[in-house]
Amino acid sequence: MRDTFNEINITPLTDIFLVLLIIMMVIAPMLDKQGISLTVPENVEQSQIDKQPQILTVFVTNSDKYFINNEEISSDNLKQVLTTEMKNYPDGLMIQADGTSSHGAVVKLMDSARAAGVKAISLDQI
């Protein structure tokens, strides 16, 4: 003869509730975050929209030579030339490097630009 069960085993039910509780505890702090708060400018003057960025472009060739305004600049004079040129280009520096130029030449240009006081540097491969 078979014995009948008089009690219900609630252990699996308890396990499920504990797992759900842990999931809710992990997810609940994430629900408070609404994303990035941005402030949108209200009054933008037309002169600010029409203003073209003034960026100095420096080319680095595959033979690790530097060119500014189609003039070759020696690596020794790089910092002095950048210091004088950046007065006319307040928005930053664009480095256009040949795909086969060396990493060291580009890093040297970036170091010279930082030493010359350049705040914004962009890098592009040509």
N, C-alpha and C. Protein backbone atom coordinates (compact mmCIF):
# COMPACT_ATOMS: atom_id res chain seq x y z
N MET A 1 0.79 -1.16 0.00
CA MET A 1 0.00 0.00 0.00
C MET A 1 0.87 1.26 0.00
N ARG A 2 0.33 2.24 -0.58
CA ARG A 2 1.08 3.46 -0.75
C ARG A 2 0.73 4.48 0.32
N ASP A 3 1.80 5.17 0.84
CA ASP A 3 1.55 6.20 1.85
C ASP A 3 1.12 7.49 1.15
N THR A 4 0.24 8.19 1.72
CA THR A 4 -0.21 9.46 1.17
C THR A 4 0.57 10.59 1.82
N PHE A 5 0.75 11.67 1.03
CA PHE A 5 1.46 12.84 1.56
C PHE A 5 0.49 13.73 2.31
N ASN A 6 0.84 14.05 3.51
CA ASN A 6 0.00 14.94 4.31
C ASN A 6 0.55 16.36 4.32
N GLU A 7 1.78 16.55 3.88
CA GLU A 7 2.41 17.87 3.90
C GLU A 7 2.90 18.24 2.50
N ILE A 8 2.94 19.54 2.23
CA ILE A 8 3.45 20.03 0.94
C ILE A 8 4.90 20.46 1.15
N ASN A 9 5.77 20.07 0.26
CA ASN A 9 7.18 20.47 0.32
C ASN A 9 7.31 21.86 -0.29
N ILE A 10 7.65 22.85 0.54
CA ILE A 10 7.74 24.23 0.05
C ILE A 10 9.18 24.67 -0.23
N THR A 11 10.14 23.79 -0.18
CA THR A 11 11.54 24.14 -0.44
C THR A 11 11.74 24.68 -1.86
N PRO A 12 11.22 24.06 -2.92
CA PRO A 12 11.40 24.64 -4.25
C PRO A 12 10.72 26.00 -4.40
N LEU A 13 9.61 26.18 -3.77
CA LEU A 13 8.91 27.46 -3.82
C LEU A 13 9.73 28.54 -3.14
N THR A 14 10.35 28.22 -2.02
CA THR A 14 11.20 29.16 -1.30
C THR A 14 12.41 29.54 -2.15
N ASP A 15 13.00 28.57 -2.85
CA ASP A 15 14.15 28.85 -3.71
C ASP A 15 13.76 29.83 -4.82
N ILE A 16 12.61 29.64 -5.40
CA ILE A 16 12.17 30.54 -6.48
C ILE A 16 11.96 31.95 -5.94
N PHE A 17 11.35 32.07 -4.78
CA PHE A 17 11.13 33.40 -4.21
C PHE A 17 12.45 34.09 -3.85
N LEU A 18 13.42 33.35 -3.37
CA LEU A 18 14.72 33.95 -3.05
C LEU A 18 15.43 34.43 -4.30
N VAL A 19 15.36 33.66 -5.37
CA VAL A 19 15.98 34.08 -6.63
C VAL A 19 15.30 35.35 -7.15
N LEU A 20 13.97 35.40 -7.11
CA LEU A 20 13.25 36.60 -7.54
C LEU A 20 13.59 37.81 -6.68
N LEU A 21 13.75 37.59 -5.38
CA LEU A 21 14.13 38.69 -4.49
C LEU A 21 15.50 39.24 -4.83
N ILE A 22 16.46 38.35 -5.11
CA ILE A 22 17.81 38.79 -5.46
C ILE A 22 17.79 39.56 -6.78
N ILE A 23 17.03 39.08 -7.75
CA ILE A 23 16.94 39.78 -9.04
C ILE A 23 16.35 41.17 -8.84
N MET A 24 15.33 41.30 -8.05
CA MET A 24 14.73 42.60 -7.80
C MET A 24 15.67 43.54 -7.06
N MET A 25 16.46 42.99 -6.13
CA MET A 25 17.42 43.83 -5.40
C MET A 25 18.51 44.34 -6.32
N VAL A 26 18.88 43.58 -7.31
CA VAL A 26 19.91 44.02 -8.25
C VAL A 26 19.35 45.03 -9.24
N ILE A 27 18.14 44.83 -9.73
CA ILE A 27 17.56 45.68 -10.76
C ILE A 27 17.00 46.99 -10.20
N ALA A 28 16.51 47.00 -8.98
CA ALA A 28 15.86 48.18 -8.41
C ALA A 28 16.72 49.44 -8.42
N PRO A 29 18.01 49.40 -8.07
CA PRO A 29 18.80 50.65 -8.14
C PRO A 29 18.96 51.18 -9.56
N MET A 30 18.89 50.32 -10.55
CA MET A 30 19.05 50.76 -11.93
C MET A 30 17.80 51.48 -12.45
N LEU A 31 16.67 51.26 -11.85
CA LEU A 31 15.44 51.89 -12.31
C LEU A 31 15.37 53.37 -11.98
N ASP A 32 16.16 53.82 -11.01
CA ASP A 32 16.15 55.22 -10.62
C ASP A 32 16.84 56.12 -11.63
N LYS A 33 17.75 55.59 -12.39
CA LYS A 33 18.52 56.41 -13.32
C LYS A 33 17.69 56.73 -14.55
N GLN A 34 17.65 58.01 -14.89
CA GLN A 34 16.83 58.45 -16.02
C GLN A 34 17.66 58.69 -17.27
N GLY A 35 18.96 58.48 -17.23
CA GLY A 35 19.81 58.72 -18.40
C GLY A 35 20.63 60.00 -18.22
N ILE A 36 21.16 60.47 -19.29
CA ILE A 36 22.01 61.67 -19.27
C ILE A 36 21.12 62.90 -19.35
N SER A 37 21.36 63.82 -18.45
CA SER A 37 20.60 65.07 -18.51
C SER A 37 21.40 66.08 -19.33
N LEU A 38 20.77 66.58 -20.37
CA LEU A 38 21.41 67.53 -21.26
C LEU A 38 20.70 68.86 -21.17
N THR A 39 21.48 69.91 -21.28
CA THR A 39 20.89 71.24 -21.36
C THR A 39 21.04 71.72 -22.79
N VAL A 40 19.96 72.10 -23.39
CA VAL A 40 19.95 72.55 -24.78
C VAL A 40 20.00 74.07 -24.78
N PRO A 41 20.90 74.65 -25.55
CA PRO A 41 20.94 76.12 -25.60
C PRO A 41 19.68 76.66 -26.23
N GLU A 42 19.17 77.73 -25.65
CA GLU A 42 17.91 78.30 -26.13
C GLU A 42 18.13 79.33 -27.22
N ASN A 43 19.05 80.24 -27.01
CA ASN A 43 19.28 81.32 -27.97
C ASN A 43 20.64 81.13 -28.63
N VAL A 44 20.62 80.65 -29.85
CA VAL A 44 21.86 80.48 -30.59
C VAL A 44 21.89 81.56 -31.67
N GLU A 45 22.91 82.37 -31.62
CA GLU A 45 23.01 83.44 -32.60
C GLU A 45 23.45 82.88 -33.94
N GLN A 46 23.04 83.52 -35.01
CA GLN A 46 23.38 83.06 -36.35
C GLN A 46 24.88 83.15 -36.60
N SER A 47 25.55 84.11 -35.98
CA SER A 47 26.99 84.24 -36.17
C SER A 47 27.74 83.03 -35.61
N GLN A 48 27.20 82.42 -34.53
CA GLN A 48 27.83 81.23 -33.98
C GLN A 48 27.63 80.03 -34.88
N ILE A 49 26.49 79.97 -35.57
CA ILE A 49 26.22 78.86 -36.47
C ILE A 49 27.10 78.97 -37.72
N ASP A 50 27.26 80.19 -38.24
CA ASP A 50 28.01 80.39 -39.48
C ASP A 50 29.52 80.34 -39.27
N LYS A 51 29.96 80.36 -38.04
CA LYS A 51 31.40 80.40 -37.75
C LYS A 51 32.06 79.08 -38.16
N GLN A 52 33.05 79.18 -38.98
CA GLN A 52 33.81 78.01 -39.40
C GLN A 52 34.90 77.72 -38.37
N PRO A 53 35.09 76.46 -38.03
CA PRO A 53 36.16 76.15 -37.07
C PRO A 53 37.53 76.45 -37.66
N GLN A 54 38.37 76.99 -36.82
CA GLN A 54 39.73 77.32 -37.24
C GLN A 54 40.66 76.26 -36.69
N ILE A 55 40.95 75.27 -37.53
CA ILE A 55 41.76 74.13 -37.12
C ILE A 55 43.00 74.07 -38.00
N LEU A 56 44.15 73.94 -37.38
CA LEU A 56 45.40 73.78 -38.11
C LEU A 56 45.56 72.31 -38.51
N THR A 57 45.89 72.07 -39.77
CA THR A 57 46.08 70.71 -40.26
C THR A 57 47.56 70.46 -40.48
N VAL A 58 48.05 69.38 -39.92
CA VAL A 58 49.45 68.96 -40.09
C VAL A 58 49.43 67.59 -40.76
N PHE A 59 50.18 67.46 -41.84
CA PHE A 59 50.28 66.20 -42.56
C PHE A 59 51.56 65.48 -42.16
N VAL A 60 51.45 64.17 -41.91
CA VAL A 60 52.62 63.33 -41.63
C VAL A 60 52.72 62.35 -42.79
N THR A 61 53.82 62.40 -43.53
CA THR A 61 53.97 61.56 -44.72
C THR A 61 54.48 60.18 -44.34
N ASN A 62 54.56 59.32 -45.35
CA ASN A 62 55.04 57.96 -45.10
C ASN A 62 56.53 57.93 -44.76
N SER A 63 57.26 59.00 -45.09
CA SER A 63 58.67 59.08 -44.72
C SER A 63 58.87 59.89 -43.44
N ASP A 64 57.79 60.05 -42.66
CA ASP A 64 57.80 60.73 -41.36
C ASP A 64 58.24 62.18 -41.45
N LYS A 65 57.78 62.86 -42.50
CA LYS A 65 58.03 64.29 -42.63
C LYS A 65 56.74 65.03 -42.30
N TYR A 66 56.89 66.23 -41.74
CA TYR A 66 55.74 67.03 -41.31
C TYR A 66 55.53 68.18 -42.28
N PHE A 67 54.26 68.42 -42.66
CA PHE A 67 53.92 69.51 -43.56
C PHE A 67 52.79 70.32 -42.96
N ILE A 68 53.04 71.65 -42.87
CA ILE A 68 52.02 72.60 -42.44
C ILE A 68 51.90 73.63 -43.55
N ASN A 69 50.70 73.80 -44.09
CA ASN A 69 50.45 74.73 -45.20
C ASN A 69 51.39 74.46 -46.38
N ASN A 70 51.56 73.21 -46.72
CA ASN A 70 52.41 72.74 -47.83
C ASN A 70 53.88 73.11 -47.66
N GLU A 71 54.32 73.37 -46.46
CA GLU A 71 55.73 73.65 -46.17
C GLU A 71 56.24 72.57 -45.24
N GLU A 72 57.40 72.02 -45.56
CA GLU A 72 57.97 70.98 -44.72
C GLU A 72 58.55 71.60 -43.45
N ILE A 73 58.26 70.98 -42.34
CA ILE A 73 58.74 71.44 -41.04
C ILE A 73 59.65 70.35 -40.48
N SER A 74 60.82 70.74 -40.04
CA SER A 74 61.72 69.75 -39.45
C SER A 74 61.22 69.37 -38.06
N SER A 75 61.58 68.20 -37.64
CA SER A 75 61.11 67.73 -36.33
C SER A 75 61.71 68.53 -35.19
N ASP A 76 62.86 69.16 -35.42
CA ASP A 76 63.48 69.97 -34.38
C ASP A 76 62.71 71.28 -34.15
N ASN A 77 62.15 71.85 -35.22
CA ASN A 77 61.44 73.13 -35.13
C ASN A 77 59.94 72.96 -34.94
N LEU A 78 59.49 71.75 -34.73
CA LEU A 78 58.06 71.46 -34.70
C LEU A 78 57.34 72.23 -33.58
N LYS A 79 57.91 72.25 -32.40
CA LYS A 79 57.26 72.92 -31.27
C LYS A 79 57.17 74.43 -31.50
N GLN A 80 58.25 75.05 -32.01
CA GLN A 80 58.24 76.49 -32.23
C GLN A 80 57.22 76.88 -33.31
N VAL A 81 57.16 76.09 -34.39
CA VAL A 81 56.23 76.40 -35.46
C VAL A 81 54.79 76.23 -34.98
N LEU A 82 54.53 75.17 -34.22
CA LEU A 82 53.18 74.96 -33.70
C LEU A 82 52.77 76.07 -32.74
N THR A 83 53.70 76.54 -31.92
CA THR A 83 53.40 77.62 -30.99
C THR A 83 52.98 78.89 -31.73
N THR A 84 53.69 79.23 -32.80
CA THR A 84 53.35 80.45 -33.55
C THR A 84 52.09 80.25 -34.39
N GLU A 85 51.91 79.08 -34.98
CA GLU A 85 50.75 78.83 -35.84
C GLU A 85 49.45 78.73 -35.04
N MET A 86 49.50 78.21 -33.83
CA MET A 86 48.28 78.00 -33.05
C MET A 86 47.64 79.31 -32.60
N LYS A 87 48.34 80.41 -32.70
CA LYS A 87 47.74 81.71 -32.39
C LYS A 87 46.65 82.04 -33.41
N ASN A 88 46.80 81.55 -34.63
CA ASN A 88 45.82 81.81 -35.69
C ASN A 88 44.75 80.73 -35.75
N TYR A 89 44.94 79.61 -35.06
CA TYR A 89 44.02 78.48 -35.09
C TYR A 89 43.64 78.09 -33.66
N PRO A 90 42.70 78.81 -33.06
CA PRO A 90 42.39 78.55 -31.64
C PRO A 90 41.56 77.29 -31.38
N ASP A 91 40.97 76.70 -32.44
CA ASP A 91 40.07 75.57 -32.22
C ASP A 91 40.76 74.22 -32.12
N GLY A 92 42.03 74.15 -32.43
CA GLY A 92 42.73 72.88 -32.25
C GLY A 92 43.59 72.49 -33.44
N LEU A 93 44.00 71.23 -33.42
CA LEU A 93 44.94 70.68 -34.39
C LEU A 93 44.38 69.39 -34.98
N MET A 94 44.50 69.26 -36.30
CA MET A 94 44.11 68.03 -36.99
C MET A 94 45.38 67.41 -37.56
N ILE A 95 45.64 66.18 -37.14
CA ILE A 95 46.80 65.45 -37.65
C ILE A 95 46.29 64.48 -38.71
N GLN A 96 46.77 64.64 -39.93
CA GLN A 96 46.43 63.71 -41.00
C GLN A 96 47.69 62.92 -41.33
N ALA A 97 47.69 61.67 -40.91
CA ALA A 97 48.87 60.82 -41.05
C ALA A 97 48.67 59.83 -42.18
N ASP A 98 49.71 59.59 -42.93
CA ASP A 98 49.70 58.56 -43.95
C ASP A 98 49.60 57.20 -43.25
N GLY A 99 48.95 56.26 -43.89
CA GLY A 99 48.75 54.94 -43.28
C GLY A 99 50.05 54.21 -43.01
N THR A 100 51.11 54.57 -43.71
CA THR A 100 52.39 53.88 -43.51
C THR A 100 53.38 54.72 -42.71
N SER A 101 52.95 55.87 -42.18
CA SER A 101 53.86 56.65 -41.34
C SER A 101 54.06 55.94 -40.01
N SER A 102 55.17 56.23 -39.37
CA SER A 102 55.48 55.52 -38.13
C SER A 102 54.68 56.09 -36.96
N HIS A 103 54.44 55.24 -36.01
CA HIS A 103 53.72 55.63 -34.80
C HIS A 103 54.51 56.67 -34.02
N GLY A 104 55.83 56.53 -34.02
CA GLY A 104 56.69 57.46 -33.29
C GLY A 104 56.60 58.88 -33.82
N ALA A 105 56.46 59.03 -35.14
CA ALA A 105 56.37 60.37 -35.73
C ALA A 105 55.07 61.05 -35.31
N VAL A 106 54.00 60.30 -35.28
CA VAL A 106 52.71 60.87 -34.88
C VAL A 106 52.72 61.23 -33.40
N VAL A 107 53.30 60.36 -32.58
CA VAL A 107 53.37 60.63 -31.14
C VAL A 107 54.25 61.84 -30.87
N LYS A 108 55.35 61.97 -31.62
CA LYS A 108 56.22 63.14 -31.44
C LYS A 108 55.47 64.42 -31.78
N LEU A 109 54.66 64.38 -32.84
CA LEU A 109 53.86 65.54 -33.22
C LEU A 109 52.84 65.86 -32.12
N MET A 110 52.21 64.85 -31.58
CA MET A 110 51.23 65.07 -30.50
C MET A 110 51.90 65.64 -29.26
N ASP A 111 53.07 65.14 -28.92
CA ASP A 111 53.81 65.66 -27.76
C ASP A 111 54.21 67.12 -27.97
N SER A 112 54.67 67.43 -29.18
CA SER A 112 55.05 68.81 -29.49
C SER A 112 53.85 69.73 -29.43
N ALA A 113 52.70 69.23 -29.90
CA ALA A 113 51.48 70.04 -29.87
C ALA A 113 51.05 70.31 -28.44
N ARG A 114 51.10 69.31 -27.59
CA ARG A 114 50.74 69.50 -26.18
C ARG A 114 51.69 70.49 -25.51
N ALA A 115 52.98 70.39 -25.85
CA ALA A 115 53.95 71.31 -25.27
C ALA A 115 53.74 72.73 -25.78
N ALA A 116 53.18 72.87 -26.99
CA ALA A 116 52.90 74.19 -27.56
C ALA A 116 51.60 74.78 -27.03
N GLY A 117 50.86 74.01 -26.24
CA GLY A 117 49.65 74.54 -25.63
C GLY A 117 48.37 74.18 -26.36
N VAL A 118 48.42 73.22 -27.27
CA VAL A 118 47.22 72.80 -28.00
C VAL A 118 46.33 72.00 -27.06
N LYS A 119 45.06 72.39 -27.00
CA LYS A 119 44.12 71.71 -26.11
C LYS A 119 43.37 70.58 -26.79
N ALA A 120 43.06 70.72 -28.08
CA ALA A 120 42.25 69.72 -28.80
C ALA A 120 43.05 69.20 -30.00
N ILE A 121 43.21 67.88 -30.04
CA ILE A 121 43.94 67.23 -31.13
C ILE A 121 43.05 66.15 -31.72
N SER A 122 42.93 66.16 -33.05
CA SER A 122 42.20 65.12 -33.77
C SER A 122 43.19 64.38 -34.67
N LEU A 123 42.90 63.11 -34.91
CA LEU A 123 43.79 62.29 -35.71
C LEU A 123 42.99 61.65 -36.83
N ASP A 124 43.53 61.72 -38.05
CA ASP A 124 42.87 61.15 -39.22
C ASP A 124 43.93 60.45 -40.06
N GLN A 125 43.54 59.32 -40.62
CA GLN A 125 44.45 58.58 -41.47
C GLN A 125 44.07 58.83 -42.92
N ILE A 126 45.07 59.17 -43.73
CA ILE A 126 44.81 59.40 -45.16
C ILE A 126 45.45 58.31 -45.98
